[in-house]
Protein backbone atom coordinates (compact mmCIF):
# COMPACT_ATOMS: atom_id res chain seq x y z
CA MET A 1 -11.60 -16.74 -53.71
CA ALA A 2 -15.07 -14.82 -54.58
CA GLY A 3 -15.35 -13.13 -57.67
CA ALA A 4 -17.20 -9.74 -58.99
CA LEU A 5 -20.31 -11.87 -60.04
CA ASP A 6 -20.31 -13.86 -56.64
CA ASN A 7 -22.33 -11.93 -54.12
CA ILE A 8 -25.38 -11.55 -55.87
CA HIS A 9 -27.62 -11.78 -52.50
CA PRO A 10 -25.49 -9.51 -50.57
CA GLY A 11 -28.08 -9.71 -47.34
CA LEU A 12 -27.42 -13.36 -47.00
CA SER A 13 -25.46 -13.97 -43.95
CA GLN A 14 -23.45 -17.22 -44.11
CA GLN A 15 -25.34 -18.50 -41.16
CA GLU A 16 -28.47 -18.16 -43.22
CA ALA A 17 -27.16 -19.95 -46.41
CA ILE A 18 -25.53 -22.80 -44.37
CA ARG A 19 -29.42 -23.15 -43.06
CA LEU A 20 -30.82 -23.18 -46.63
CA LEU A 21 -28.52 -25.48 -47.78
CA LEU A 22 -29.17 -27.97 -44.98
CA ALA A 23 -32.67 -27.58 -44.62
CA PRO A 24 -35.35 -30.24 -45.20
CA LEU A 25 -37.02 -29.64 -48.83
CA ASP A 26 -40.21 -28.93 -47.11
CA ASP A 27 -39.10 -26.18 -45.22
CA LEU A 28 -38.02 -23.80 -48.16
CA GLU A 29 -39.68 -21.27 -49.99
CA SER A 30 -37.93 -22.39 -53.07
CA GLN A 31 -36.30 -25.61 -54.39
CA SER A 32 -33.79 -23.45 -55.93
CA ASP A 33 -32.15 -22.58 -52.43
CA PRO A 34 -30.16 -24.98 -51.52
CA TYR A 35 -28.08 -24.49 -54.87
CA MET A 36 -28.11 -20.53 -54.37
CA ALA A 37 -26.65 -21.10 -50.92
CA ALA A 38 -23.97 -23.40 -52.08
CA ALA A 39 -22.72 -20.82 -54.64
CA HIS A 40 -23.31 -17.98 -51.73
CA LEU A 41 -20.94 -19.60 -49.52
CA ILE A 42 -18.00 -18.66 -51.70
CA ASN A 43 -18.04 -15.51 -50.04
CA PHE A 44 -17.58 -16.54 -46.55
CA PRO A 45 -14.06 -18.75 -46.50
CA GLY A 46 -13.73 -20.65 -43.30
CA ASP A 47 -14.34 -23.98 -41.37
CA ALA A 48 -17.92 -23.49 -40.93
CA THR A 49 -18.53 -23.09 -45.07
CA GLU A 50 -16.42 -26.20 -45.75
CA GLN A 51 -17.99 -28.27 -43.15
CA ALA A 52 -21.54 -27.59 -44.49
CA LEU A 53 -20.57 -28.13 -48.16
CA LEU A 54 -19.23 -30.96 -46.74
CA LYS A 55 -22.14 -32.31 -45.20
CA LEU A 56 -24.30 -31.78 -48.25
CA ILE A 57 -21.69 -33.94 -50.76
CA ASP A 58 -22.07 -36.63 -48.44
CA ASN A 59 -25.64 -36.64 -48.28
CA SER A 60 -27.33 -39.51 -49.96
CA GLU A 61 -30.56 -37.67 -50.69
CA GLN A 62 -30.99 -37.62 -54.82
CA SER A 63 -33.94 -35.25 -55.14
CA GLN A 64 -33.28 -32.67 -57.98
CA PRO A 65 -32.47 -29.48 -55.47
CA ARG A 66 -30.18 -31.43 -53.44
CA ARG A 67 -28.24 -33.20 -56.66
CA LEU A 68 -28.16 -29.65 -58.51
CA ALA A 69 -26.55 -27.98 -54.89
CA ARG A 70 -23.97 -30.66 -54.45
CA ARG A 71 -22.56 -30.09 -58.05
CA LYS A 72 -22.15 -26.27 -56.79
CA ALA A 73 -20.78 -27.69 -53.59
CA VAL A 74 -17.85 -29.34 -55.14
CA GLU A 75 -17.31 -26.33 -57.28
CA VAL A 76 -17.17 -24.03 -54.78
CA LEU A 77 -14.74 -26.23 -52.44
CA ALA A 78 -12.41 -26.36 -55.24
CA ARG A 79 -12.41 -22.58 -55.49
CA LEU A 80 -11.80 -22.31 -51.57
CA GLY A 81 -8.73 -24.45 -52.04
CA CYS A 82 -10.09 -26.87 -49.76
CA ARG A 83 -7.70 -29.84 -49.98
CA GLU A 84 -9.45 -31.56 -47.12
CA ALA A 85 -12.62 -32.27 -49.65
CA ILE A 86 -10.58 -34.18 -52.19
CA PRO A 87 -11.53 -37.63 -50.60
CA ALA A 88 -15.51 -36.69 -50.62
CA ILE A 89 -14.87 -35.09 -53.97
CA GLY A 90 -13.25 -38.42 -54.85
CA ARG A 91 -16.33 -40.50 -53.86
CA CYS A 92 -18.50 -38.34 -55.82
CA LEU A 93 -16.44 -39.90 -59.22
CA ALA A 94 -18.81 -43.10 -58.47
CA SER A 95 -22.25 -41.07 -58.71
CA ASP A 96 -24.38 -41.87 -61.60
CA ASP A 97 -25.04 -37.98 -62.12
CA THR A 98 -22.61 -37.11 -64.64
CA TYR A 99 -22.26 -33.73 -64.16
CA LEU A 100 -21.59 -34.11 -60.62
CA VAL A 101 -18.63 -36.46 -61.68
CA GLU A 102 -17.77 -33.94 -64.33
CA ASN A 103 -17.61 -31.36 -61.46
CA ALA A 104 -15.80 -33.46 -59.40
CA ALA A 105 -13.07 -34.02 -62.06
CA PHE A 106 -12.75 -30.19 -62.55
CA ALA A 107 -12.31 -29.67 -58.44
CA LEU A 108 -10.14 -32.69 -58.32
CA LYS A 109 -7.65 -31.11 -60.87
CA GLU A 110 -7.82 -27.18 -58.97
CA LEU A 111 -6.90 -29.04 -55.80
CA ASN A 112 -4.03 -30.64 -57.23
CA CYS A 113 -5.07 -34.49 -56.02
CA GLN A 114 -2.17 -36.52 -55.70
CA ASP A 115 -4.18 -39.54 -54.72
CA VAL A 116 -3.25 -42.85 -57.04
CA GLU A 117 -6.40 -44.59 -56.22
CA ILE A 118 -8.48 -41.48 -57.16
CA HIS A 119 -6.05 -41.05 -60.32
CA ALA A 120 -7.00 -44.39 -61.21
CA THR A 121 -10.67 -44.16 -61.29
CA LEU A 122 -10.51 -40.78 -63.21
CA ALA A 123 -8.43 -42.71 -65.62
CA SER A 124 -10.89 -45.73 -65.96
CA LEU A 125 -13.95 -43.16 -66.40
CA LEU A 126 -12.25 -41.92 -69.82
CA GLU A 127 -13.60 -45.55 -71.12
CA GLN A 128 -17.38 -44.45 -70.27
CA THR A 129 -18.88 -42.68 -73.40
CA SER A 130 -21.38 -41.74 -71.32
CA GLN A 131 -18.99 -39.19 -69.44
CA ASN A 132 -17.46 -35.70 -70.07
CA GLN A 133 -14.62 -37.12 -71.51
CA ARG A 134 -13.02 -33.62 -72.04
CA VAL A 135 -13.14 -32.65 -68.70
CA LEU A 136 -11.81 -35.66 -67.49
CA ILE A 137 -8.60 -35.90 -70.15
CA GLN A 138 -8.23 -32.24 -69.15
CA SER A 139 -7.72 -33.27 -65.32
CA LEU A 140 -5.82 -36.28 -65.96
CA ALA A 141 -3.34 -34.16 -67.91
CA ALA A 142 -3.04 -31.16 -65.29
CA LEU A 143 -2.22 -33.85 -62.74
CA GLN A 144 0.44 -36.04 -64.55
CA VAL A 145 -1.18 -38.89 -64.74
CA GLU A 146 1.05 -40.89 -67.10
CA GLN A 147 -0.89 -44.49 -66.38
CA ALA A 148 -3.86 -42.77 -68.68
CA LEU A 149 -1.85 -42.46 -71.81
CA PRO A 150 -3.14 -45.21 -73.63
CA SER A 151 -6.49 -44.52 -73.07
CA ILE A 152 -5.90 -40.76 -73.98
CA GLN A 153 -4.05 -41.89 -77.26
CA LYS A 154 -6.65 -43.21 -78.47
CA LEU A 155 -9.24 -40.59 -78.03
CA GLN A 156 -7.06 -38.29 -80.66
CA ASP A 157 -9.39 -39.77 -83.27
CA ALA A 158 -12.79 -38.85 -81.12
CA ASP A 159 -15.62 -38.13 -83.12
CA SER A 160 -16.16 -35.10 -80.67
CA PRO A 161 -13.55 -32.25 -81.82
CA GLY A 162 -13.74 -31.00 -78.14
CA VAL A 163 -12.56 -34.70 -76.94
CA ARG A 164 -9.95 -34.91 -80.17
CA GLY A 165 -8.56 -31.63 -78.91
CA ALA A 166 -8.16 -32.38 -75.49
CA ALA A 167 -6.54 -35.93 -76.14
CA ILE A 168 -4.06 -34.03 -78.46
CA SER A 169 -3.27 -31.76 -76.21
CA ALA A 170 -2.93 -34.31 -73.32
CA MET A 171 -0.53 -36.10 -75.21
CA ALA A 172 1.66 -33.04 -75.83
CA LYS A 173 1.87 -32.65 -72.08
CA LEU A 174 2.15 -35.82 -70.57
CA ALA A 175 4.19 -37.49 -73.55
CA GLY A 176 6.02 -34.55 -75.29
CA SER A 177 3.89 -35.88 -78.59
CA ARG A 178 3.30 -32.71 -80.58
CA GLU A 179 3.28 -34.38 -84.14
CA HIS A 180 -0.89 -33.89 -83.84
CA LEU A 181 -0.97 -30.38 -82.68
CA LEU A 182 -1.29 -28.64 -85.88
CA GLN A 183 -4.59 -30.52 -86.19
CA LEU A 184 -5.98 -27.80 -83.39
CA GLU A 185 -5.75 -25.37 -85.96
CA GLU A 186 -8.59 -26.82 -87.83
CA LEU A 187 -10.71 -27.25 -84.66
CA MET A 188 -10.45 -23.32 -84.40
CA PHE A 189 -12.58 -22.64 -87.63
CA LEU A 190 -15.06 -24.82 -86.90
CA PRO A 191 -18.99 -23.85 -87.44
CA ASN A 192 -19.67 -24.42 -83.83
CA GLN A 193 -18.12 -21.70 -81.50
CA MET A 194 -17.56 -24.01 -78.46
CA ASP A 195 -15.25 -26.07 -80.61
CA ARG A 196 -13.43 -22.97 -81.48
CA GLN A 197 -13.07 -21.80 -77.59
CA SER A 198 -12.25 -25.28 -76.54
CA ALA A 199 -9.34 -25.30 -79.09
CA ILE A 200 -7.88 -22.44 -77.69
CA GLN A 201 -7.56 -23.93 -74.61
CA ASP A 202 -5.83 -26.95 -75.62
CA ALA A 203 -3.42 -24.78 -77.63
CA ILE A 204 -2.97 -23.45 -74.23
CA ASP A 205 -2.74 -26.30 -72.05
CA ALA A 206 -0.21 -27.97 -74.62
CA LYS A 207 1.46 -24.56 -74.45
CA ALA A 208 1.50 -24.28 -78.70
CA VAL A 209 3.24 -21.01 -79.32
CA GLU A 210 3.84 -21.97 -82.93
CA LEU A 211 -0.40 -21.44 -82.95
CA LEU A 212 -0.76 -18.03 -81.86
CA PRO A 213 -0.90 -16.52 -85.37
CA GLN A 214 -4.15 -18.78 -86.00
CA ILE A 215 -5.45 -18.12 -82.43
CA LEU A 216 -5.40 -14.32 -83.26
CA ARG A 217 -7.31 -15.05 -86.43
CA THR A 218 -10.06 -17.25 -84.60
CA PRO A 219 -13.56 -15.72 -84.82
CA VAL A 220 -14.22 -15.87 -80.77
CA SER A 221 -14.67 -13.30 -77.92
CA PRO A 222 -11.69 -11.54 -77.65
CA VAL A 223 -11.13 -12.29 -74.31
CA PHE A 224 -10.38 -15.71 -75.39
CA ARG A 225 -7.79 -14.63 -77.90
CA MET A 226 -6.16 -12.11 -75.47
CA ARG A 227 -6.08 -15.29 -72.61
CA ALA A 228 -4.09 -17.21 -75.29
CA LEU A 229 -1.87 -14.49 -76.05
CA LYS A 230 -0.86 -13.43 -72.57
CA ALA A 231 -0.52 -17.55 -71.69
CA LEU A 232 1.61 -18.54 -74.93
CA TRP A 233 3.70 -15.58 -75.45
CA PRO A 234 7.63 -16.00 -74.27
CA LYS A 235 8.47 -14.78 -70.93
CA GLU A 236 12.16 -14.45 -71.47
CA GLY A 237 13.26 -11.81 -73.99
CA GLY A 238 9.30 -10.67 -74.79
CA GLN A 239 9.80 -11.81 -78.68
CA SER A 240 8.38 -14.17 -81.18
CA GLU A 241 9.63 -15.04 -83.94
CA GLN A 242 6.15 -15.08 -85.69
CA LEU A 243 4.46 -12.11 -84.59
CA ASN A 244 5.22 -8.75 -83.28
CA LEU A 245 4.15 -7.97 -79.80
CA PHE A 246 2.54 -4.77 -80.11
CA SER A 247 0.88 -5.40 -83.79
CA ALA A 248 -0.54 -8.52 -82.28
CA LEU A 249 -1.91 -6.58 -79.23
CA ASP A 250 -3.05 -3.54 -81.16
CA SER A 251 -4.71 -5.81 -83.05
CA LEU A 252 -6.70 -7.52 -80.36
CA ILE A 253 -7.85 -4.36 -78.70
CA GLU A 254 -8.80 -2.67 -82.25
CA ASP A 255 -10.39 -6.17 -82.83
CA HIS A 256 -11.46 -5.53 -86.60
CA PRO A 257 -13.47 -8.45 -88.38
CA GLU A 258 -10.97 -7.87 -91.53
CA SER A 259 -8.11 -9.27 -88.79
CA LEU A 260 -10.27 -12.90 -88.40
CA GLN A 261 -11.32 -15.98 -90.47
CA LEU A 262 -14.89 -15.83 -90.32
CA VAL A 263 -16.58 -19.02 -90.48
CA HIS A 264 -19.65 -17.99 -91.99
CA ALA A 265 -20.96 -16.13 -94.62
CA TYR A 266 -24.28 -14.74 -96.38
CA ASP A 267 -25.92 -15.96 -99.45
CA HIS A 268 -27.90 -12.98 -99.93
CA SER A 269 -27.72 -9.26 -98.68
CA PRO A 270 -29.44 -9.24 -95.54
CA GLY A 271 -31.30 -5.90 -94.64
CA ASN A 272 -29.83 -3.65 -91.57
CA GLU A 273 -32.38 -4.74 -89.07
CA PHE A 274 -31.47 -8.43 -89.47
CA LEU A 275 -27.65 -7.48 -89.22
CA VAL A 276 -28.13 -5.21 -86.15
CA GLN A 277 -29.91 -8.51 -84.52
CA GLU A 278 -26.89 -10.34 -85.26
CA PHE A 279 -24.81 -8.44 -82.27
CA PHE A 280 -27.34 -10.16 -79.56
CA GLY A 281 -26.57 -13.96 -81.02
CA THR A 282 -24.11 -15.76 -78.88
CA ASP A 283 -21.98 -16.60 -82.28
CA PHE A 284 -19.13 -14.12 -82.59
CA SER A 285 -18.35 -15.17 -85.87
CA ARG A 286 -21.95 -14.35 -86.67
CA CYS A 287 -21.50 -11.32 -84.99
CA TYR A 288 -17.92 -10.28 -86.43
CA LEU A 289 -20.02 -10.73 -89.90
CA ALA A 290 -22.55 -8.60 -89.60
CA LEU A 291 -20.48 -6.04 -88.01
CA GLN A 292 -18.29 -6.52 -91.31
CA THR A 293 -21.40 -5.79 -93.20
CA LEU A 294 -22.83 -2.44 -91.71
CA ARG A 295 -19.60 -1.12 -92.12
CA ASP A 296 -20.43 -0.88 -95.93
CA ARG A 297 -24.05 0.35 -95.26
CA SER A 298 -25.05 4.29 -94.92
CA ALA A 299 -24.72 5.32 -91.10
CA LYS A 300 -27.54 7.97 -91.55
CA GLU A 301 -29.80 5.07 -92.57
CA ILE A 302 -28.79 2.99 -89.67
CA TRP A 303 -28.37 5.43 -86.89
CA PRO A 304 -32.30 5.68 -86.02
CA PHE A 305 -32.64 1.94 -85.50
CA LEU A 306 -29.31 1.51 -84.20
CA HIS A 307 -30.31 4.14 -81.43
CA LYS A 308 -33.83 2.67 -80.39
CA ARG A 309 -32.04 -0.79 -80.21
CA TRP A 310 -29.39 0.65 -77.92
CA PHE A 311 -32.16 1.90 -75.18
CA ASP A 312 -34.40 -0.94 -75.71
CA GLU A 313 -31.95 -3.48 -74.95
CA ALA A 314 -28.28 -3.41 -76.48
CA ASP A 315 -27.31 -1.21 -73.26
CA ASN A 316 -28.07 -4.42 -71.23
CA ASP A 317 -26.96 -7.24 -73.13
CA TYR A 318 -22.95 -7.34 -72.67
CA GLY A 319 -22.88 -9.02 -76.26
CA ALA A 320 -24.23 -6.59 -78.23
CA HIS A 321 -22.98 -3.90 -76.04
CA TYR A 322 -19.46 -4.29 -77.55
CA PHE A 323 -20.35 -4.80 -81.04
CA PHE A 324 -22.42 -1.42 -81.05
CA ILE A 325 -19.40 0.16 -80.04
CA ARG A 326 -17.25 -1.50 -82.19
CA LEU A 327 -19.84 -0.39 -85.13
CA PHE A 328 -19.46 3.27 -83.72
CA ALA A 329 -15.77 3.26 -84.34
CA LEU A 330 -16.05 1.55 -87.35
CA LEU A 331 -18.17 4.03 -89.18
CA GLY A 332 -16.36 6.85 -87.55
CA ASP A 333 -17.08 10.28 -89.57
CA ALA A 334 -19.76 8.67 -91.10
CA TRP A 335 -22.62 9.21 -88.40
CA PRO A 336 -24.87 11.94 -89.08
CA GLU A 337 -24.51 14.99 -86.83
CA ASP A 338 -27.39 14.47 -84.82
CA ALA A 339 -26.12 11.08 -83.58
CA ARG A 340 -22.62 12.29 -82.36
CA GLU A 341 -23.65 13.85 -79.42
CA PRO A 342 -26.00 10.53 -78.37
CA ILE A 343 -22.61 8.56 -79.48
CA LYS A 344 -20.62 10.25 -77.31
CA LEU A 345 -22.46 9.44 -74.52
CA ILE A 346 -22.73 6.10 -74.61
CA LEU A 347 -19.15 6.05 -74.91
CA GLN A 348 -18.48 7.82 -72.16
CA GLU A 349 -21.01 5.84 -69.89
CA ALA A 350 -19.08 2.51 -71.17
CA ILE A 351 -15.63 3.78 -70.51
CA ASN A 352 -17.03 4.86 -66.77
CA THR A 353 -18.88 1.55 -66.02
CA ARG A 354 -17.94 -0.50 -63.28
CA ARG A 355 -20.38 -3.41 -64.24
CA PRO A 356 -17.97 -6.42 -64.54
CA GLN A 357 -19.71 -8.23 -67.54
CA PHE A 358 -19.24 -5.07 -69.67
CA MET A 359 -15.57 -4.74 -69.01
CA LYS A 360 -14.49 -5.71 -72.59
CA SER A 361 -16.31 -2.71 -73.93
CA LYS A 362 -14.49 -0.11 -72.21
CA PRO A 363 -11.17 -0.51 -74.04
CA ALA A 364 -13.50 -0.35 -77.52
CA ALA A 365 -15.23 2.75 -76.09
CA VAL A 366 -11.66 4.42 -75.43
CA LEU A 367 -10.58 3.68 -79.09
CA ALA A 368 -14.01 4.80 -80.30
CA ILE A 369 -13.68 8.15 -78.62
CA SER A 370 -10.45 8.84 -80.42
CA ARG A 371 -11.93 7.64 -83.86
CA LEU A 372 -14.77 9.75 -83.71
CA GLY A 373 -12.59 12.85 -82.98
CA PHE A 374 -13.81 13.84 -79.63
CA VAL A 375 -11.26 15.65 -77.17
CA TYR A 376 -10.16 14.04 -74.36
CA SER A 377 -8.63 16.09 -71.69
CA PRO A 378 -5.49 15.49 -69.98
CA GLU A 379 -7.23 14.73 -66.86
CA ASN A 380 -9.49 11.54 -68.53
CA PHE A 381 -6.40 10.22 -69.63
CA THR A 382 -4.88 10.40 -65.89
CA ALA A 383 -7.33 8.60 -64.87
CA LEU A 384 -7.58 6.20 -67.81
CA LEU A 385 -3.95 5.24 -67.19
CA ASP A 386 -4.14 5.10 -63.32
CA PRO A 387 -4.40 1.34 -62.68
CA LEU A 388 -6.12 2.28 -59.31
CA VAL A 389 -8.78 4.08 -61.12
CA THR A 390 -8.74 2.04 -64.21
CA SER A 391 -8.41 -1.82 -63.15
CA PHE A 392 -8.93 -3.48 -66.81
CA TRP A 393 -5.69 -3.57 -67.84
CA GLU A 394 -6.77 -3.83 -71.49
CA CYS A 395 -8.82 -0.08 -70.95
CA ARG A 396 -5.41 1.00 -70.00
CA TYR A 397 -3.46 -0.19 -73.08
CA ALA A 398 -5.74 1.27 -75.26
CA ALA A 399 -5.40 4.74 -73.42
CA VAL A 400 -1.51 4.32 -74.16
CA MET A 401 -2.64 3.75 -77.95
CA VAL A 402 -4.68 7.22 -78.34
CA ALA A 403 -3.15 9.44 -75.76
CA PRO A 404 -1.07 12.08 -75.90
CA GLN A 405 2.52 11.41 -75.54
CA ASP A 406 3.01 13.62 -72.58
CA ALA A 407 0.33 11.61 -70.83
CA LEU A 408 2.45 8.66 -71.30
CA ARG A 409 5.15 8.71 -68.54
CA VAL A 410 2.93 7.36 -65.56
CA ALA A 411 2.31 4.18 -67.98
CA LEU A 412 6.09 3.54 -68.13
CA LYS A 413 5.65 1.94 -64.16
CA ASP A 414 2.26 -0.06 -64.98
CA PRO A 415 1.99 -2.91 -63.27
CA GLU A 416 1.13 -4.68 -66.46
CA PRO A 417 4.04 -5.53 -68.79
CA PHE A 418 1.90 -5.02 -72.02
CA VAL A 419 1.00 -1.72 -70.96
CA ALA A 420 4.51 -0.85 -69.81
CA ALA A 421 5.86 -2.22 -73.00
CA ARG A 422 3.43 -0.23 -75.14
CA ALA A 423 4.17 3.39 -73.33
CA ARG A 424 8.03 2.35 -73.63
CA HIS A 425 7.24 1.54 -77.15
CA VAL A 426 5.94 5.34 -77.97
CA LEU A 427 8.18 7.05 -75.76
CA LYS A 428 11.54 5.44 -77.19
CA ASP A 429 12.48 8.47 -79.36
CA LEU A 430 11.45 10.99 -77.43
């Protein structure tokens, strides 16, 4: 199924995409056209698309443009749910292109491949250290390939944290072996962000609800932590012995750095410009550390530089965008008078944005509007609490946290259970 970011060439037809996919490279204006075409075909489900992608997969040409396009074709076929592609994708496991093998293993998992010969091939590839063993383990576990257990068990001691975590998770899933699951906690606080994110996914795959408190303290994007909470929170009864649901959800939506266990520290006090620059980095632990440090700085001194950086680049950098808004809320009343109106306009734009990559800024902006004391009308809350207007449920949840009680009754019927439960929690004494 196509996603919000898939149709980046809206004028490109299916027919033209298929032509670009299969045309001789010498006839193309750009060597990247086959890859672009393969990616774009996700927007055209159906037999013509599937046959074109299958034709590309079975094309033995080894030029780099074809290899890149072939990797994408395997991914797209899986997203389209094309089970007829399983034999062709299975043949990709014999390729010398390890990235194609990786994509094929992932695709076979997504398509729920039950071919025992392909299972045996996947298991044999685990012995090759040149392959992406993490993805292979995840696929074998999802497909319930118990014959791979001896190989997976050995990899619980792998040097790579990602492989080790996947193996621990797979042993819990395939063999019910949960004695090593607590090791995932250590992986959640490693210096490398990818290792931390992988450990959270491993906990989700192993249904390790006992690790939720640690996951909620892991310094990664709140998207990963929220995904884990939704996946692991008990469905029956809605309660956990370790956590209060609303405390956990509120903490995630507020996302204060103090609620996290940061894995970095400064050996000296950095300047404001350095700290703001950290918001543009990719490691969330460093971003949260900068946010925590800036909270104790002078808002009056920070504002001119912050304002300039916003319009220079932060408004188009989704990571910095989020942390700027968090900083606006953290410093609250400390902002100088001349900063309040520009900040209000920034927050309103963030709440109303339709840019999909900026969705996590929306609930942050809702809370920031309230924290800075800006008056929000009942009509504004009506829109924020309407699923047809505000489709991002975390934004509706943030609105429930700060909306006047007389505006909350509409949220009692929210399609997202967490939003409806939070509204009931607020209104229970009325």
